[in-house]
Amino acid sequence: MLELEHGFRVVDVATRLPAADGSGGPRSRTITADRLEREMHQAGITGSIVYPPSRSGTSYIAPNNGVARRSVDRPFVAVARINGSQTPGRNATGRLRNAVSRREDRHTSPSDIEKYAYDDRFHGFVLDPAIDDYPDDDVLAALEDVDLPVIVRGGVDAPPETLAETLLERSFPVVVGRFGGHPLNRSLMSEMIDLLDEYDDCYLETSFVRYREQLERALREHPDRVFFGSGAPACHPNVAVMEILTLDVSEDLLRRTFSKNACRVIDALAADAEPWN
């Protein structure tokens, strides 16, 4: 695809970087770090949050280290994928399961959170509740202690109500992916936008949000709370950038979405943090 010329500084908070050996799991599109970097450059994206794809039943220590290693000397900012042992305990069965469940070696521990937080290769965390479940109270407390952003994949299997119960009451910043409504659930997206009135440390990212109404509403009602996310490599970053550029909003709102908002919350994306790593 041709390079985009748009005049905005763009940073991306939603980019998966599959394993170099192609073992990123069935939902991962095979792409090298070099090709991903080229596609980001074509789209005019100057910095990208990257993390490994989600995979059930496994530890993320090796995939996280692989992402950090392949981010060196590239415009990539690594965040660590985490997992947990808890499911939403909204009924008696769920509460009982959580009461008897125990963290296993493959699950992220409080000490893992501390190690990632004080390792200057990582600048936050990412969680896919549909595959990773939710951290237990001890891990959530560790996340509060380190106070780094947590990017969470929202959707029908991790709806706004559940995210509010499990994560949004905590003191760390939470960036809800896909407007909380994947796949293309307008009502969940609208519910998630409503929750921005209640939670000051909650933010939304735009990957795979195809509805202008929800995008424009969030930008106008909460101009400081929307971050650009491409969803690469599943979605070409050129396409994701163009979807935002064609919204009927002011240039100031575009600048906030493309970079200013995310840079305020994720320090490593700021212009004065370059060169990367």
Protein backbone atom coordinates (compact mmCIF):
# COMPACT_ATOMS: atom_id res chain seq x y z
CA MET A 1 0.00 0.00 0.00
CA LEU A 2 1.10 3.57 -0.60
CA GLU A 3 2.51 5.66 2.21
CA LEU A 4 -0.03 7.92 3.85
CA GLU A 5 0.63 11.65 4.07
CA HIS A 6 -1.46 13.20 6.81
CA GLY A 7 0.73 15.56 8.85
CA PHE A 8 -0.13 14.04 12.24
CA ARG A 9 2.19 12.38 14.70
CA VAL A 10 0.57 8.98 15.28
CA VAL A 11 1.25 6.44 18.02
CA ASP A 12 -0.44 3.05 18.14
CA VAL A 13 -1.44 1.28 21.38
CA ALA A 14 -2.76 -1.96 19.87
CA THR A 15 -0.21 -3.99 17.91
CA ARG A 16 0.48 -7.71 18.26
CA LEU A 17 3.98 -8.90 17.47
CA PRO A 18 3.80 -12.68 16.82
CA ALA A 19 6.69 -14.94 17.71
CA ALA A 20 9.55 -15.05 15.25
CA ASP A 21 9.04 -18.81 14.75
CA GLY A 22 5.37 -18.39 13.80
CA SER A 23 4.13 -20.05 17.01
CA GLY A 24 1.87 -17.20 18.04
CA GLY A 25 -1.26 -19.32 18.03
CA PRO A 26 -4.15 -19.91 15.61
CA ARG A 27 -5.40 -16.30 15.65
CA SER A 28 -1.99 -14.80 14.87
CA ARG A 29 -1.19 -13.52 11.41
CA THR A 30 2.39 -14.36 10.50
CA ILE A 31 4.44 -11.19 10.13
CA THR A 32 8.05 -10.35 10.82
CA ALA A 33 9.13 -7.45 12.99
CA ASP A 34 10.79 -5.85 9.95
CA ARG A 35 7.61 -6.03 7.90
CA LEU A 36 5.53 -4.68 10.76
CA GLU A 37 7.92 -1.77 11.11
CA ARG A 38 7.64 -1.04 7.37
CA GLU A 39 3.83 -1.10 7.49
CA MET A 40 3.81 1.27 10.45
CA HIS A 41 6.13 3.62 8.58
CA GLN A 42 3.83 3.52 5.54
CA ALA A 43 0.93 4.60 7.74
CA GLY A 44 2.90 7.44 9.32
CA ILE A 45 2.93 5.76 12.75
CA THR A 46 5.99 6.85 14.71
CA GLY A 47 5.70 4.54 17.70
CA SER A 48 3.77 1.36 18.52
CA ILE A 49 2.88 -0.49 21.69
CA VAL A 50 3.64 -4.16 20.95
CA TYR A 51 2.86 -7.38 22.80
CA PRO A 52 2.66 -11.12 22.06
CA PRO A 53 -0.59 -12.78 20.96
CA SER A 54 -2.71 -14.41 23.65
CA ARG A 55 -2.38 -18.17 24.12
CA SER A 56 -4.30 -20.25 26.63
CA GLY A 57 -2.67 -22.58 29.12
CA THR A 58 0.86 -21.22 28.88
CA SER A 59 3.24 -18.84 30.60
CA TYR A 60 3.93 -15.53 28.88
CA ILE A 61 7.47 -15.04 30.19
CA ALA A 62 9.22 -16.30 27.04
CA PRO A 63 6.85 -14.55 24.57
CA ASN A 64 7.19 -11.27 26.48
CA ASN A 65 10.97 -11.48 26.44
CA GLY A 66 10.86 -12.24 22.72
CA VAL A 67 8.79 -9.13 22.02
CA ALA A 68 11.13 -6.99 24.11
CA ARG A 69 14.15 -8.37 22.28
CA ARG A 70 12.67 -7.70 18.83
CA SER A 71 11.66 -4.17 19.85
CA VAL A 72 15.26 -3.03 20.28
CA ASP A 73 16.29 -0.40 17.71
CA ARG A 74 12.74 -0.28 16.35
CA PRO A 75 9.93 2.22 17.02
CA PHE A 76 8.26 -0.38 19.27
CA VAL A 77 7.37 -0.05 22.95
CA ALA A 78 6.97 -3.45 24.60
CA VAL A 79 4.31 -4.21 27.19
CA ALA A 80 4.08 -7.53 29.04
CA ARG A 81 1.14 -9.86 28.52
CA ILE A 82 -0.24 -11.23 31.78
CA ASN A 83 -2.82 -13.86 32.74
CA GLY A 84 -4.76 -14.92 35.82
CA SER A 85 -6.66 -17.66 37.58
CA GLN A 86 -9.96 -15.89 38.25
CA THR A 87 -13.22 -15.79 36.30
CA PRO A 88 -15.91 -13.15 36.86
CA GLY A 89 -17.65 -14.29 40.06
CA ARG A 90 -21.10 -12.94 39.34
CA ASN A 91 -22.92 -16.11 40.42
CA ALA A 92 -22.51 -18.79 43.09
CA THR A 93 -20.65 -21.14 40.76
CA GLY A 94 -18.18 -18.47 39.72
CA ARG A 95 -17.54 -17.35 43.29
CA LEU A 96 -16.96 -20.93 44.38
CA ARG A 97 -14.57 -21.60 41.52
CA ASN A 98 -12.55 -18.52 42.35
CA ALA A 99 -12.48 -19.40 46.05
CA VAL A 100 -10.85 -22.78 45.39
CA SER A 101 -8.70 -21.85 42.37
CA ARG A 102 -4.98 -21.49 42.95
CA ARG A 103 -2.39 -19.65 40.94
CA GLU A 104 -0.26 -22.09 38.93
CA ASP A 105 3.27 -21.68 37.62
CA ARG A 106 1.94 -20.54 34.24
CA HIS A 107 -0.04 -17.72 35.83
CA THR A 108 1.37 -14.25 36.35
CA SER A 109 2.40 -13.70 39.96
CA PRO A 110 2.89 -10.50 42.00
CA SER A 111 6.66 -10.98 41.72
CA ASP A 112 6.33 -11.21 37.92
CA ILE A 113 4.52 -7.86 37.93
CA GLU A 114 7.34 -6.28 39.92
CA LYS A 115 10.00 -7.74 37.64
CA TYR A 116 8.28 -6.44 34.51
CA ALA A 117 7.67 -3.04 36.08
CA TYR A 118 11.31 -2.54 37.03
CA ASP A 119 12.66 -3.94 33.78
CA ASP A 120 13.14 -0.90 31.55
CA ARG A 121 12.23 -2.99 28.47
CA PHE A 122 8.54 -3.02 29.47
CA HIS A 123 6.19 -0.07 29.87
CA GLY A 124 2.88 -1.61 30.93
CA PHE A 125 0.75 -4.72 30.68
CA VAL A 126 -1.86 -6.28 28.42
CA LEU A 127 -4.64 -8.75 29.26
CA ASP A 128 -7.13 -10.74 27.15
CA PRO A 129 -9.76 -11.89 29.69
CA ALA A 130 -11.45 -14.24 27.21
CA ILE A 131 -8.28 -16.35 27.07
CA ASP A 132 -6.20 -15.19 30.04
CA ASP A 133 -8.96 -14.90 32.69
CA TYR A 134 -8.48 -12.21 35.37
CA PRO A 135 -5.67 -11.66 37.90
CA ASP A 136 -6.35 -12.47 41.55
CA ASP A 137 -6.40 -9.84 44.30
CA ASP A 138 -2.68 -10.17 45.07
CA VAL A 139 -1.72 -9.57 41.44
CA LEU A 140 -4.17 -6.67 41.17
CA ALA A 141 -2.61 -5.14 44.28
CA ALA A 142 0.83 -5.48 42.68
CA LEU A 143 -0.48 -3.75 39.56
CA GLU A 144 -1.72 -0.90 41.75
CA ASP A 145 1.68 -0.65 43.43
CA VAL A 146 3.60 -0.30 40.15
CA ASP A 147 0.89 1.94 38.63
CA LEU A 148 1.58 1.19 34.96
CA PRO A 149 -1.14 1.14 32.27
CA VAL A 150 -3.03 -2.11 31.63
CA ILE A 151 -4.48 -2.61 28.14
CA VAL A 152 -7.48 -4.94 28.26
CA ARG A 153 -9.25 -6.55 25.30
CA GLY A 154 -12.93 -5.75 25.74
CA GLY A 155 -15.88 -7.41 24.03
CA VAL A 156 -18.82 -9.73 24.38
CA ASP A 157 -16.69 -12.14 26.46
CA ALA A 158 -15.33 -9.29 28.62
CA PRO A 159 -18.21 -6.77 28.68
CA PRO A 160 -18.11 -3.32 30.28
CA GLU A 161 -20.00 -4.42 33.39
CA THR A 162 -17.48 -7.17 34.09
CA LEU A 163 -14.49 -4.92 33.43
CA ALA A 164 -15.94 -2.39 35.87
CA GLU A 165 -16.34 -5.07 38.56
CA THR A 166 -12.89 -6.59 38.13
CA LEU A 167 -10.53 -3.83 36.98
CA LEU A 168 -11.89 -0.30 36.74
CA GLU A 169 -12.23 0.20 40.50
CA ARG A 170 -8.46 -0.18 40.81
CA SER A 171 -6.06 2.76 40.85
CA PHE A 172 -3.98 1.94 37.75
CA PRO A 173 -4.87 3.26 34.27
CA VAL A 174 -6.95 0.83 32.19
CA VAL A 175 -7.09 1.12 28.39
CA VAL A 176 -10.07 -0.85 27.11
CA GLY A 177 -9.44 -2.23 23.64
CA ARG A 178 -11.95 -2.14 20.79
CA PHE A 179 -14.21 0.27 22.72
CA GLY A 180 -15.24 -2.72 24.84
CA GLY A 181 -17.51 -4.07 22.11
CA HIS A 182 -15.64 -6.62 19.99
CA PRO A 183 -16.87 -7.96 17.63
CA LEU A 184 -18.82 -4.95 16.37
CA ASN A 185 -21.30 -4.79 19.24
CA ARG A 186 -22.67 -1.24 19.20
CA SER A 187 -24.54 -1.50 22.49
CA LEU A 188 -21.46 -2.64 24.40
CA MET A 189 -19.42 0.17 22.84
CA SER A 190 -22.03 2.69 23.97
CA GLU A 191 -22.02 1.20 27.48
CA MET A 192 -18.26 1.51 27.62
CA ILE A 193 -18.39 5.15 26.54
CA ASP A 194 -20.94 5.77 29.31
CA LEU A 195 -18.54 4.32 31.88
CA LEU A 196 -15.97 7.00 31.08
CA ASP A 197 -18.14 9.36 33.15
CA GLU A 198 -17.60 7.13 36.21
CA TYR A 199 -13.96 6.10 35.95
CA ASP A 200 -11.30 8.77 35.52
CA ASP A 201 -8.49 6.29 34.85
CA CYS A 202 -10.35 4.46 32.07
CA TYR A 203 -9.47 5.02 28.42
CA LEU A 204 -10.63 3.52 25.11
CA GLU A 205 -8.61 2.45 22.07
CA THR A 206 -10.00 2.39 18.57
CA SER A 207 -8.88 -0.89 16.96
CA PHE A 208 -11.63 -2.75 15.08
CA VAL A 209 -14.22 -0.06 15.86
CA ARG A 210 -15.96 0.42 12.52
CA TYR A 211 -18.84 2.66 13.56
CA ARG A 212 -18.48 6.40 13.04
CA GLU A 213 -21.27 7.19 15.49
CA GLN A 214 -19.47 5.60 18.45
CA LEU A 215 -16.06 6.95 17.48
CA GLU A 216 -17.28 10.51 17.02
CA ARG A 217 -19.40 10.42 20.16
CA ALA A 218 -16.46 9.28 22.31
CA LEU A 219 -14.17 11.91 20.82
CA ARG A 220 -16.61 14.74 21.38
CA GLU A 221 -17.79 13.74 24.86
CA HIS A 222 -14.42 12.54 26.18
CA PRO A 223 -11.72 14.19 24.04
CA ASP A 224 -8.87 13.19 26.38
CA ARG A 225 -9.81 9.54 26.80
CA VAL A 226 -9.52 7.98 23.32
CA PHE A 227 -6.29 6.41 22.02
CA PHE A 228 -5.56 5.30 18.49
CA GLY A 229 -5.08 1.56 18.03
CA SER A 230 -4.53 -0.10 14.66
CA GLY A 231 -5.10 -3.75 15.51
CA ALA A 232 -2.12 -4.68 13.34
CA PRO A 233 -1.21 -7.11 11.93
CA ALA A 234 -4.81 -8.35 11.59
CA CYS A 235 -5.72 -4.92 10.20
CA HIS A 236 -3.31 -2.97 8.03
CA PRO A 237 -2.36 0.24 9.89
CA ASN A 238 -3.08 2.32 6.77
CA VAL A 239 -6.72 1.27 6.98
CA ALA A 240 -6.94 2.03 10.70
CA VAL A 241 -5.42 5.51 10.27
CA MET A 242 -7.75 6.34 7.39
CA GLU A 243 -10.80 5.38 9.44
CA ILE A 244 -9.88 8.04 12.01
CA LEU A 245 -8.87 10.64 9.42
CA THR A 246 -12.32 10.46 7.78
CA LEU A 247 -14.25 11.19 10.99
CA ASP A 248 -16.22 14.42 11.12
CA VAL A 249 -14.30 15.94 14.04
CA SER A 250 -11.88 18.82 14.48
CA GLU A 251 -8.16 18.65 13.78
CA ASP A 252 -7.52 19.14 17.49
CA LEU A 253 -9.52 16.01 18.32
CA LEU A 254 -7.59 14.06 15.71
CA ARG A 255 -4.28 15.16 17.23
CA ARG A 256 -5.45 14.11 20.68
CA THR A 257 -6.56 10.71 19.44
CA PHE A 258 -3.51 10.03 17.32
CA SER A 259 -0.88 10.89 19.94
CA LYS A 260 -1.49 13.47 22.66
CA ASN A 261 -3.82 11.36 24.80
CA ALA A 262 -1.74 8.19 24.78
CA CYS A 263 1.52 10.07 25.35
CA ARG A 264 0.06 11.63 28.48
CA VAL A 265 -0.62 8.19 29.98
CA ILE A 266 2.18 6.06 28.47
CA ASP A 267 5.40 8.00 28.94
CA ALA A 268 7.47 5.86 26.58
CA LEU A 269 5.37 7.01 23.60
CA ALA A 270 6.13 10.70 24.12
CA ALA A 271 8.19 12.46 21.47
CA ASP A 272 10.92 13.30 23.97
CA ALA A 273 11.27 9.57 24.75
CA GLU A 274 12.64 8.85 21.26
CA PRO A 275 14.87 7.25 20.03
CA TRP A 276 13.13 4.10 21.14
CA ASN A 277 14.84 1.73 23.54
